[in-house]
Amino acid sequence: MVFSIFGQKVPYCYDIGFNPLNNGIILDVHNDFADSMPVDGSKIKQLKKEYRFLKSFSWLPGNFGFDDAFIRQKTTRKNIARYLMPIPKASTVDEVPWAALRRTAISLAFFSDMARSVYRKGTSSKQDQLLAFFVLIDEANGRIGIMGDYSSRLCRWFGDGISRGDLESVTEAMRQTYYHIWDREMHGHFGTYINEEGQLILQCPFDGTLYVFSDHDGKYMEFSSNQLPNISVLLSLISGLAAVNGIARREMA
């Protein structure tokens, strides 16, 4: 793994959640964490040129991401910047097909790349980080996926606190995202399961699976997807992961 929250109590850095009303992913970032994140200007220029983004990667205090992929929202949470990442459709009237999907996914991948070097610096929050994720997009070499860690606290919730209704909500988040991207219902299996070892498994159509590949004595779990076929499956799995984190954060409060 290229990063890990190491099964320790890492102070709250960010949260992700799913917003079904706006067909989007919510990202809450602690201000201390945001201030510590290194912004790689050369990498930004490279990605902007490669994907022909209209606007460069912007950061706090306004919208952020390439072409403002994340929209700043109001929040009453102290020391938190909240963003909404609307899930785009695969094809729109005024854009090249998949352009909006790539803008959204690349922005999220760039955020996760910046974030992985900052976890150990910590924040002033008294809450702890529930999960850490890293998004990989290398379409030229057929590499699209997501990986990361579940904290020990989240692992315990999988075994003791998550309900059938919670699992159904996670499945619905993936299904809603996938249908929204394609602007119609699509055939295929969506599912969310807790296996006998208390490990969370997410499944999307076209062999999109997010599974646990290592359990470190109950201290934390490493998770990873398989090689995903396209960005629509990637964003669907991320929506499911976001729903998991959002539900857990609310129920643990």
C-alpha atoms as a PDB file:
ATOM      1  CA  MET A   1       0.000   0.000   0.000  1.00  0.00           C
ATOM      2  CA  VAL A   2       1.156   3.530  -0.723  1.00  0.00           C
ATOM      3  CA  PHE A   3      -0.456   4.898   2.417  1.00  0.00           C
ATOM      4  CA  SER A   4      -2.250   3.662   5.506  1.00  0.00           C
ATOM      5  CA  ILE A   5      -3.994   4.959   8.593  1.00  0.00           C
ATOM      6  CA  PHE A   6      -2.074   2.162  10.353  1.00  0.00           C
ATOM      7  CA  GLY A   7      -4.921   0.990  12.588  1.00  0.00           C
ATOM      8  CA  GLN A   8      -4.322   3.908  14.919  1.00  0.00           C
ATOM      9  CA  LYS A   9      -6.641   6.724  15.958  1.00  0.00           C
ATOM     10  CA  VAL A  10      -5.881   9.215  13.203  1.00  0.00           C
ATOM     11  CA  PRO A  11      -7.519  12.619  13.842  1.00  0.00           C
ATOM     12  CA  TYR A  12     -10.407  13.552  11.547  1.00  0.00           C
ATOM     13  CA  CYS A  13      -9.125  14.722   8.148  1.00  0.00           C
ATOM     14  CA  TYR A  14     -12.098  14.415   5.808  1.00  0.00           C
ATOM     15  CA  ASP A  15     -15.410  12.648   5.336  1.00  0.00           C
ATOM     16  CA  ILE A  16     -17.207  11.482   2.232  1.00  0.00           C
ATOM     17  CA  GLY A  17     -20.941  10.909   2.032  1.00  0.00           C
ATOM     18  CA  PHE A  18     -23.607  10.338  -0.591  1.00  0.00           C
ATOM     19  CA  ASN A  19     -26.387  12.866  -1.277  1.00  0.00           C
ATOM     20  CA  PRO A  20     -29.266  11.061  -3.053  1.00  0.00           C
ATOM     21  CA  LEU A  21     -31.298  14.240  -3.534  1.00  0.00           C
ATOM     22  CA  ASN A  22     -28.571  15.935  -5.576  1.00  0.00           C
ATOM     23  CA  ASN A  23     -27.057  12.820  -7.155  1.00  0.00           C
ATOM     24  CA  GLY A  24     -23.694  13.717  -5.710  1.00  0.00           C
ATOM     25  CA  ILE A  25     -20.857  12.899  -3.336  1.00  0.00           C
ATOM     26  CA  ILE A  26     -20.318  15.135  -0.320  1.00  0.00           C
ATOM     27  CA  LEU A  27     -16.734  15.851   0.717  1.00  0.00           C
ATOM     28  CA  ASP A  28     -16.063  17.506   4.088  1.00  0.00           C
ATOM     29  CA  VAL A  29     -12.447  18.593   4.616  1.00  0.00           C
ATOM     30  CA  HIS A  30     -11.005  19.760   7.935  1.00  0.00           C
ATOM     31  CA  ASN A  31      -9.341  23.154   7.546  1.00  0.00           C
ATOM     32  CA  ASP A  32      -6.117  21.957   9.226  1.00  0.00           C
ATOM     33  CA  PHE A  33      -5.900  19.110   6.748  1.00  0.00           C
ATOM     34  CA  ALA A  34      -6.573  21.375   3.783  1.00  0.00           C
ATOM     35  CA  ASP A  35      -3.898  23.832   4.903  1.00  0.00           C
ATOM     36  CA  SER A  36      -1.326  21.021   5.059  1.00  0.00           C
ATOM     37  CA  MET A  37      -1.996  19.548   1.635  1.00  0.00           C
ATOM     38  CA  PRO A  38       0.781  19.996  -0.933  1.00  0.00           C
ATOM     39  CA  VAL A  39      -0.448  21.265  -4.298  1.00  0.00           C
ATOM     40  CA  ASP A  40       1.739  20.001  -7.169  1.00  0.00           C
ATOM     41  CA  GLY A  41       1.636  22.748  -9.794  1.00  0.00           C
ATOM     42  CA  SER A  42       3.506  20.747 -12.438  1.00  0.00           C
ATOM     43  CA  LYS A  43       1.121  17.807 -12.057  1.00  0.00           C
ATOM     44  CA  ILE A  44      -1.845  20.167 -12.376  1.00  0.00           C
ATOM     45  CA  LYS A  45      -0.480  21.570 -15.640  1.00  0.00           C
ATOM     46  CA  GLN A  46       0.135  18.075 -16.969  1.00  0.00           C
ATOM     47  CA  LEU A  47      -3.403  16.871 -16.209  1.00  0.00           C
ATOM     48  CA  LYS A  48      -5.011  20.069 -17.507  1.00  0.00           C
ATOM     49  CA  LYS A  49      -3.203  19.655 -20.820  1.00  0.00           C
ATOM     50  CA  GLU A  50      -3.738  15.899 -21.073  1.00  0.00           C
ATOM     51  CA  TYR A  51      -7.488  16.042 -20.458  1.00  0.00           C
ATOM     52  CA  ARG A  52      -8.056  19.497 -21.989  1.00  0.00           C
ATOM     53  CA  PHE A  53      -9.726  20.939 -18.916  1.00  0.00           C
ATOM     54  CA  LEU A  54     -10.925  24.509 -19.306  1.00  0.00           C
ATOM     55  CA  LYS A  55      -9.909  25.597 -15.810  1.00  0.00           C
ATOM     56  CA  SER A  56      -6.936  24.591 -13.724  1.00  0.00           C
ATOM     57  CA  PHE A  57      -7.248  22.782 -10.389  1.00  0.00           C
ATOM     58  CA  SER A  58      -8.608  25.251  -7.841  1.00  0.00           C
ATOM     59  CA  TRP A  59      -8.425  24.837  -4.072  1.00  0.00           C
ATOM     60  CA  LEU A  60      -9.758  26.519  -0.951  1.00  0.00           C
ATOM     61  CA  PRO A  61     -11.611  28.717  -0.139  1.00  0.00           C
ATOM     62  CA  GLY A  62     -13.941  28.499  -3.162  1.00  0.00           C
ATOM     63  CA  ASN A  63     -14.906  25.621  -5.425  1.00  0.00           C
ATOM     64  CA  PHE A  64     -12.161  23.130  -6.125  1.00  0.00           C
ATOM     65  CA  GLY A  65     -11.084  20.571  -8.661  1.00  0.00           C
ATOM     66  CA  PHE A  66     -10.593  20.843 -12.399  1.00  0.00           C
ATOM     67  CA  ASP A  67     -13.305  23.000 -13.963  1.00  0.00           C
ATOM     68  CA  ASP A  68     -14.798  23.467 -10.471  1.00  0.00           C
ATOM     69  CA  ALA A  69     -15.825  19.822 -10.216  1.00  0.00           C
ATOM     70  CA  PHE A  70     -16.528  20.274  -6.473  1.00  0.00           C
ATOM     71  CA  ILE A  71     -18.974  23.031  -5.533  1.00  0.00           C
ATOM     72  CA  ARG A  72     -18.566  24.789  -2.170  1.00  0.00           C
ATOM     73  CA  GLN A  73     -21.551  24.327   0.169  1.00  0.00           C
ATOM     74  CA  LYS A  74     -22.682  25.937   3.384  1.00  0.00           C
ATOM     75  CA  THR A  75     -22.216  23.966   6.599  1.00  0.00           C
ATOM     76  CA  THR A  76     -22.619  24.570  10.306  1.00  0.00           C
ATOM     77  CA  ARG A  77     -19.740  22.216  11.124  1.00  0.00           C
ATOM     78  CA  LYS A  78     -16.865  24.065  12.770  1.00  0.00           C
ATOM     79  CA  ASN A  79     -13.492  24.122  10.947  1.00  0.00           C
ATOM     80  CA  ILE A  80     -14.954  22.171   8.022  1.00  0.00           C
ATOM     81  CA  ALA A  81     -15.146  23.078   4.317  1.00  0.00           C
ATOM     82  CA  ARG A  82     -17.984  21.210   2.591  1.00  0.00           C
ATOM     83  CA  TYR A  83     -18.205  20.420  -1.117  1.00  0.00           C
ATOM     84  CA  LEU A  84     -20.716  18.719  -3.371  1.00  0.00           C
ATOM     85  CA  MET A  85     -19.409  16.698  -6.292  1.00  0.00           C
ATOM     86  CA  PRO A  86     -22.401  16.310  -8.657  1.00  0.00           C
ATOM     87  CA  ILE A  87     -22.337  13.007 -10.513  1.00  0.00           C
ATOM     88  CA  PRO A  88     -22.279  13.907 -14.243  1.00  0.00           C
ATOM     89  CA  LYS A  89     -23.852  12.007 -17.099  1.00  0.00           C
ATOM     90  CA  ALA A  90     -21.757  10.093 -19.592  1.00  0.00           C
ATOM     91  CA  SER A  91     -22.843  12.334 -22.464  1.00  0.00           C
ATOM     92  CA  THR A  92     -24.214  15.877 -22.540  1.00  0.00           C
ATOM     93  CA  VAL A  93     -25.252  18.182 -25.347  1.00  0.00           C
ATOM     94  CA  ASP A  94     -22.400  20.650 -24.955  1.00  0.00           C
ATOM     95  CA  GLU A  95     -19.495  18.350 -24.033  1.00  0.00           C
ATOM     96  CA  VAL A  96     -17.507  15.524 -25.551  1.00  0.00           C
ATOM     97  CA  PRO A  97     -18.834  12.180 -24.230  1.00  0.00           C
ATOM     98  CA  TRP A  98     -17.154  11.176 -20.948  1.00  0.00           C
ATOM     99  CA  ALA A  99     -15.505  14.611 -20.561  1.00  0.00           C
ATOM    100  CA  ALA A 100     -17.548  15.499 -17.469  1.00  0.00           C
ATOM    101  CA  LEU A 101     -16.977  12.066 -15.949  1.00  0.00           C
ATOM    102  CA  ARG A 102     -13.230  12.372 -16.421  1.00  0.00           C
ATOM    103  CA  ARG A 103     -13.197  15.880 -14.932  1.00  0.00           C
ATOM    104  CA  THR A 104     -14.975  14.627 -11.819  1.00  0.00           C
ATOM    105  CA  ALA A 105     -12.976  11.434 -11.416  1.00  0.00           C
ATOM    106  CA  ILE A 106      -9.579  13.063 -12.090  1.00  0.00           C
ATOM    107  CA  SER A 107     -10.353  15.810  -9.565  1.00  0.00           C
ATOM    108  CA  LEU A 108     -11.200  13.219  -6.925  1.00  0.00           C
ATOM    109  CA  ALA A 109      -8.090  11.211  -7.788  1.00  0.00           C
ATOM    110  CA  PHE A 110      -5.895  14.305  -7.475  1.00  0.00           C
ATOM    111  CA  PHE A 111      -7.422  15.099  -4.072  1.00  0.00           C
ATOM    112  CA  SER A 112      -6.727  11.549  -2.860  1.00  0.00           C
ATOM    113  CA  ASP A 113      -3.158  11.788  -4.125  1.00  0.00           C
ATOM    114  CA  MET A 114      -2.566  15.032  -2.192  1.00  0.00           C
ATOM    115  CA  ALA A 115      -4.262  13.639   0.907  1.00  0.00           C
ATOM    116  CA  ARG A 116      -2.172  10.496   1.290  1.00  0.00           C
ATOM    117  CA  SER A 117       0.936  12.447   2.302  1.00  0.00           C
ATOM    118  CA  VAL A 118      -0.813  14.433   5.054  1.00  0.00           C
ATOM    119  CA  TYR A 119      -2.583  11.874   7.304  1.00  0.00           C
ATOM    120  CA  ARG A 120       0.269  11.655   9.777  1.00  0.00           C
ATOM    121  CA  LYS A 121       0.372  15.421  10.341  1.00  0.00           C
ATOM    122  CA  GLY A 122      -3.000  15.249  12.076  1.00  0.00           C
ATOM    123  CA  THR A 123      -5.580  17.937  12.794  1.00  0.00           C
ATOM    124  CA  SER A 124      -7.034  19.638  15.857  1.00  0.00           C
ATOM    125  CA  SER A 125     -10.235  17.569  15.640  1.00  0.00           C
ATOM    126  CA  LYS A 126     -11.235  15.297  18.516  1.00  0.00           C
ATOM    127  CA  GLN A 127     -12.996  12.959  16.103  1.00  0.00           C
ATOM    128  CA  ASP A 128     -11.142  10.205  14.293  1.00  0.00           C
ATOM    129  CA  GLN A 129     -10.774   9.316  10.624  1.00  0.00           C
ATOM    130  CA  LEU A 130     -13.006   6.401   9.620  1.00  0.00           C
ATOM    131  CA  LEU A 131     -11.417   5.522   6.289  1.00  0.00           C
ATOM    132  CA  ALA A 132      -8.728   6.615   3.866  1.00  0.00           C
ATOM    133  CA  PHE A 133      -8.940   6.092   0.111  1.00  0.00           C
ATOM    134  CA  PHE A 134      -6.830   6.521  -2.991  1.00  0.00           C
ATOM    135  CA  VAL A 135      -8.225   6.693  -6.537  1.00  0.00           C
ATOM    136  CA  LEU A 136      -6.089   5.456  -9.426  1.00  0.00           C
ATOM    137  CA  ILE A 137      -6.852   6.524 -13.009  1.00  0.00           C
ATOM    138  CA  ASP A 138      -4.452   5.571 -15.789  1.00  0.00           C
ATOM    139  CA  GLU A 139      -6.704   4.950 -18.762  1.00  0.00           C
ATOM    140  CA  ALA A 140      -3.817   4.714 -21.218  1.00  0.00           C
ATOM    141  CA  ASN A 141      -2.614   1.561 -19.453  1.00  0.00           C
ATOM    142  CA  GLY A 142      -6.068   0.253 -18.546  1.00  0.00           C
ATOM    143  CA  ARG A 143      -5.683   0.964 -14.840  1.00  0.00           C
ATOM    144  CA  ILE A 144      -8.752   2.303 -13.029  1.00  0.00           C
ATOM    145  CA  GLY A 145      -9.451   1.490  -9.399  1.00  0.00           C
ATOM    146  CA  ILE A 146      -9.758   2.508  -5.774  1.00  0.00           C
ATOM    147  CA  MET A 147      -7.958   1.281  -2.662  1.00  0.00           C
ATOM    148  CA  GLY A 148      -7.567   2.285   0.951  1.00  0.00           C
ATOM    149  CA  ASP A 149      -8.051   1.426   4.623  1.00  0.00           C
ATOM    150  CA  TYR A 150     -10.975   1.052   7.002  1.00  0.00           C
ATOM    151  CA  SER A 151     -10.180   2.134  10.573  1.00  0.00           C
ATOM    152  CA  SER A 152     -10.571  -0.277  13.482  1.00  0.00           C
ATOM    153  CA  ARG A 153     -13.616   1.690  14.650  1.00  0.00           C
ATOM    154  CA  LEU A 154     -15.310   1.316  11.278  1.00  0.00           C
ATOM    155  CA  CYS A 155     -14.441  -2.386  11.190  1.00  0.00           C
ATOM    156  CA  ARG A 156     -16.176  -2.876  14.545  1.00  0.00           C
ATOM    157  CA  TRP A 157     -19.253  -1.097  13.180  1.00  0.00           C
ATOM    158  CA  PHE A 158     -19.349  -3.525  10.240  1.00  0.00           C
ATOM    159  CA  GLY A 159     -19.610  -6.365  12.739  1.00  0.00           C
ATOM    160  CA  ASP A 160     -21.885  -4.805  15.364  1.00  0.00           C
ATOM    161  CA  GLY A 161     -23.657  -1.709  14.094  1.00  0.00           C
ATOM    162  CA  ILE A 162     -24.460  -1.915  10.397  1.00  0.00           C
ATOM    163  CA  SER A 163     -28.055  -2.940   9.635  1.00  0.00           C
ATOM    164  CA  ARG A 164     -29.804  -4.501   6.661  1.00  0.00           C
ATOM    165  CA  GLY A 165     -31.319  -1.090   5.944  1.00  0.00           C
ATOM    166  CA  ASP A 166     -27.826   0.442   5.909  1.00  0.00           C
ATOM    167  CA  LEU A 167     -26.636  -2.186   3.406  1.00  0.00           C
ATOM    168  CA  GLU A 168     -29.638  -1.490   1.185  1.00  0.00           C
ATOM    169  CA  SER A 169     -28.899   2.271   1.304  1.00  0.00           C
ATOM    170  CA  VAL A 170     -25.326   1.615   0.154  1.00  0.00           C
ATOM    171  CA  THR A 171     -26.544  -0.568  -2.700  1.00  0.00           C
ATOM    172  CA  GLU A 172     -29.072   2.073  -3.732  1.00  0.00           C
ATOM    173  CA  ALA A 173     -26.355   4.767  -3.792  1.00  0.00           C
ATOM    174  CA  MET A 174     -24.348   2.698  -6.283  1.00  0.00           C
ATOM    175  CA  ARG A 175     -27.411   1.901  -8.371  1.00  0.00           C
ATOM    176  CA  GLN A 176     -28.591   5.530  -8.420  1.00  0.00           C
ATOM    177  CA  THR A 177     -25.180   6.775  -9.509  1.00  0.00           C
ATOM    178  CA  TYR A 178     -24.852   4.208 -12.265  1.00  0.00           C
ATOM    179  CA  TYR A 179     -28.357   4.853 -13.632  1.00  0.00           C
ATOM    180  CA  HIS A 180     -27.819   8.625 -13.440  1.00  0.00           C
ATOM    181  CA  ILE A 181     -24.564   8.437 -15.394  1.00  0.00           C
ATOM    182  CA  TRP A 182     -26.204   6.492 -18.197  1.00  0.00           C
ATOM    183  CA  ASP A 183     -29.519   8.376 -17.927  1.00  0.00           C
ATOM    184  CA  ARG A 184     -31.511   5.141 -17.846  1.00  0.00           C
ATOM    185  CA  GLU A 185     -31.855   1.917 -15.902  1.00  0.00           C
ATOM    186  CA  MET A 186     -29.178  -0.620 -16.772  1.00  0.00           C
ATOM    187  CA  HIS A 187     -29.046  -4.376 -16.369  1.00  0.00           C
ATOM    188  CA  GLY A 188     -26.543  -5.750 -13.917  1.00  0.00           C
ATOM    189  CA  HIS A 189     -26.052  -6.776 -10.297  1.00  0.00           C
ATOM    190  CA  PHE A 190     -25.598  -4.338  -7.409  1.00  0.00           C
ATOM    191  CA  GLY A 191     -24.961  -5.628  -3.917  1.00  0.00           C
ATOM    192  CA  THR A 192     -23.539  -4.860  -0.475  1.00  0.00           C
ATOM    193  CA  TYR A 193     -22.551  -7.694   1.845  1.00  0.00           C
ATOM    194  CA  ILE A 194     -20.887  -8.401   5.153  1.00  0.00           C
ATOM    195  CA  ASN A 195     -19.093 -11.761   4.914  1.00  0.00           C
ATOM    196  CA  GLU A 196     -18.461 -14.228   7.749  1.00  0.00           C
ATOM    197  CA  GLU A 197     -15.268 -12.404   8.737  1.00  0.00           C
ATOM    198  CA  GLY A 198     -17.146  -9.113   9.137  1.00  0.00           C
ATOM    199  CA  GLN A 199     -15.662  -7.662   5.941  1.00  0.00           C
ATOM    200  CA  LEU A 200     -17.625  -5.326   3.685  1.00  0.00           C
ATOM    201  CA  ILE A 201     -18.003  -6.233  -0.002  1.00  0.00           C
ATOM    202  CA  LEU A 202     -19.478  -3.850  -2.629  1.00  0.00           C
ATOM    203  CA  GLN A 203     -20.482  -5.080  -6.084  1.00  0.00           C
ATOM    204  CA  CYS A 204     -21.436  -3.243  -9.290  1.00  0.00           C
ATOM    205  CA  PRO A 205     -22.180  -4.471 -12.844  1.00  0.00           C
ATOM    206  CA  PHE A 206     -19.414  -5.411 -15.262  1.00  0.00           C
ATOM    207  CA  ASP A 207     -17.282  -7.049 -12.578  1.00  0.00           C
ATOM    208  CA  GLY A 208     -16.917  -3.945 -10.431  1.00  0.00           C
ATOM    209  CA  THR A 209     -16.062  -5.152  -6.919  1.00  0.00           C
ATOM    210  CA  LEU A 210     -14.648  -3.457  -3.831  1.00  0.00           C
ATOM    211  CA  TYR A 211     -13.352  -6.076  -1.421  1.00  0.00           C
ATOM    212  CA  VAL A 212     -11.094  -6.504   1.583  1.00  0.00           C
ATOM    213  CA  PHE A 213      -7.774  -8.100   0.720  1.00  0.00           C
ATOM    214  CA  SER A 214      -6.068  -7.922   4.102  1.00  0.00           C
ATOM    215  CA  ASP A 215      -7.242  -7.888   7.726  1.00  0.00           C
ATOM    216  CA  HIS A 216      -4.585  -6.726  10.182  1.00  0.00           C
ATOM    217  CA  ASP A 217      -5.654  -8.494  13.405  1.00  0.00           C
ATOM    218  CA  GLY A 218      -8.765  -6.337  13.699  1.00  0.00           C
ATOM    219  CA  LYS A 219      -6.703  -3.152  13.876  1.00  0.00           C
ATOM    220  CA  TYR A 220      -7.630  -2.042  10.377  1.00  0.00           C
ATOM    221  CA  MET A 221      -8.563  -3.511   7.025  1.00  0.00           C
ATOM    222  CA  GLU A 222      -7.080  -2.760   3.641  1.00  0.00           C
ATOM    223  CA  PHE A 223      -9.535  -2.707   0.766  1.00  0.00           C
ATOM    224  CA  SER A 224      -9.187  -2.544  -2.991  1.00  0.00           C
ATOM    225  CA  SER A 225     -11.221  -2.842  -6.163  1.00  0.00           C
ATOM    226  CA  ASN A 226     -10.356  -5.064  -9.072  1.00  0.00           C
ATOM    227  CA  GLN A 227      -9.272  -3.479 -12.354  1.00  0.00           C
ATOM    228  CA  LEU A 228     -12.413  -1.547 -13.242  1.00  0.00           C
ATOM    229  CA  PRO A 229     -13.694  -1.343 -16.831  1.00  0.00           C
ATOM    230  CA  ASN A 230     -14.516   2.373 -16.873  1.00  0.00           C
ATOM    231  CA  ILE A 231     -15.100   5.526 -14.840  1.00  0.00           C
ATOM    232  CA  SER A 232     -18.855   4.956 -14.500  1.00  0.00           C
ATOM    233  CA  VAL A 233     -18.201   1.804 -12.454  1.00  0.00           C
ATOM    234  CA  LEU A 234     -15.490   3.632 -10.475  1.00  0.00           C
ATOM    235  CA  LEU A 235     -17.836   6.476  -9.502  1.00  0.00           C
ATOM    236  CA  SER A 236     -20.567   3.987  -8.618  1.00  0.00           C
ATOM    237  CA  LEU A 237     -18.256   2.151  -6.193  1.00  0.00           C
ATOM    238  CA  ILE A 238     -17.059   5.461  -4.731  1.00  0.00           C
ATOM    239  CA  SER A 239     -20.703   6.447  -4.193  1.00  0.00           C
ATOM    240  CA  GLY A 240     -21.212   3.214  -2.268  1.00  0.00           C
ATOM    241  CA  LEU A 241     -18.083   3.812  -0.199  1.00  0.00           C
ATOM    242  CA  ALA A 242     -19.240   7.383   0.465  1.00  0.00           C
ATOM    243  CA  ALA A 243     -22.634   6.096   1.614  1.00  0.00           C
ATOM    244  CA  VAL A 244     -20.912   3.662   4.002  1.00  0.00           C
ATOM    245  CA  ASN A 245     -18.804   6.431   5.539  1.00  0.00           C
ATOM    246  CA  GLY A 246     -21.720   8.865   5.787  1.00  0.00           C
ATOM    247  CA  ILE A 247     -24.042   6.354   7.457  1.00  0.00           C
ATOM    248  CA  ALA A 248     -21.343   5.251   9.887  1.00  0.00           C
ATOM    249  CA  ARG A 249     -20.457   8.817  10.847  1.00  0.00           C
ATOM    250  CA  ARG A 250     -24.110   9.647  11.592  1.00  0.00           C
ATOM    251  CA  GLU A 251     -24.752   6.483  13.588  1.00  0.00           C
ATOM    252  CA  MET A 252     -21.533   6.797  15.601  1.00  0.00           C
ATOM    253  CA  ALA A 253     -22.240  10.409  16.571  1.00  0.00           C
END
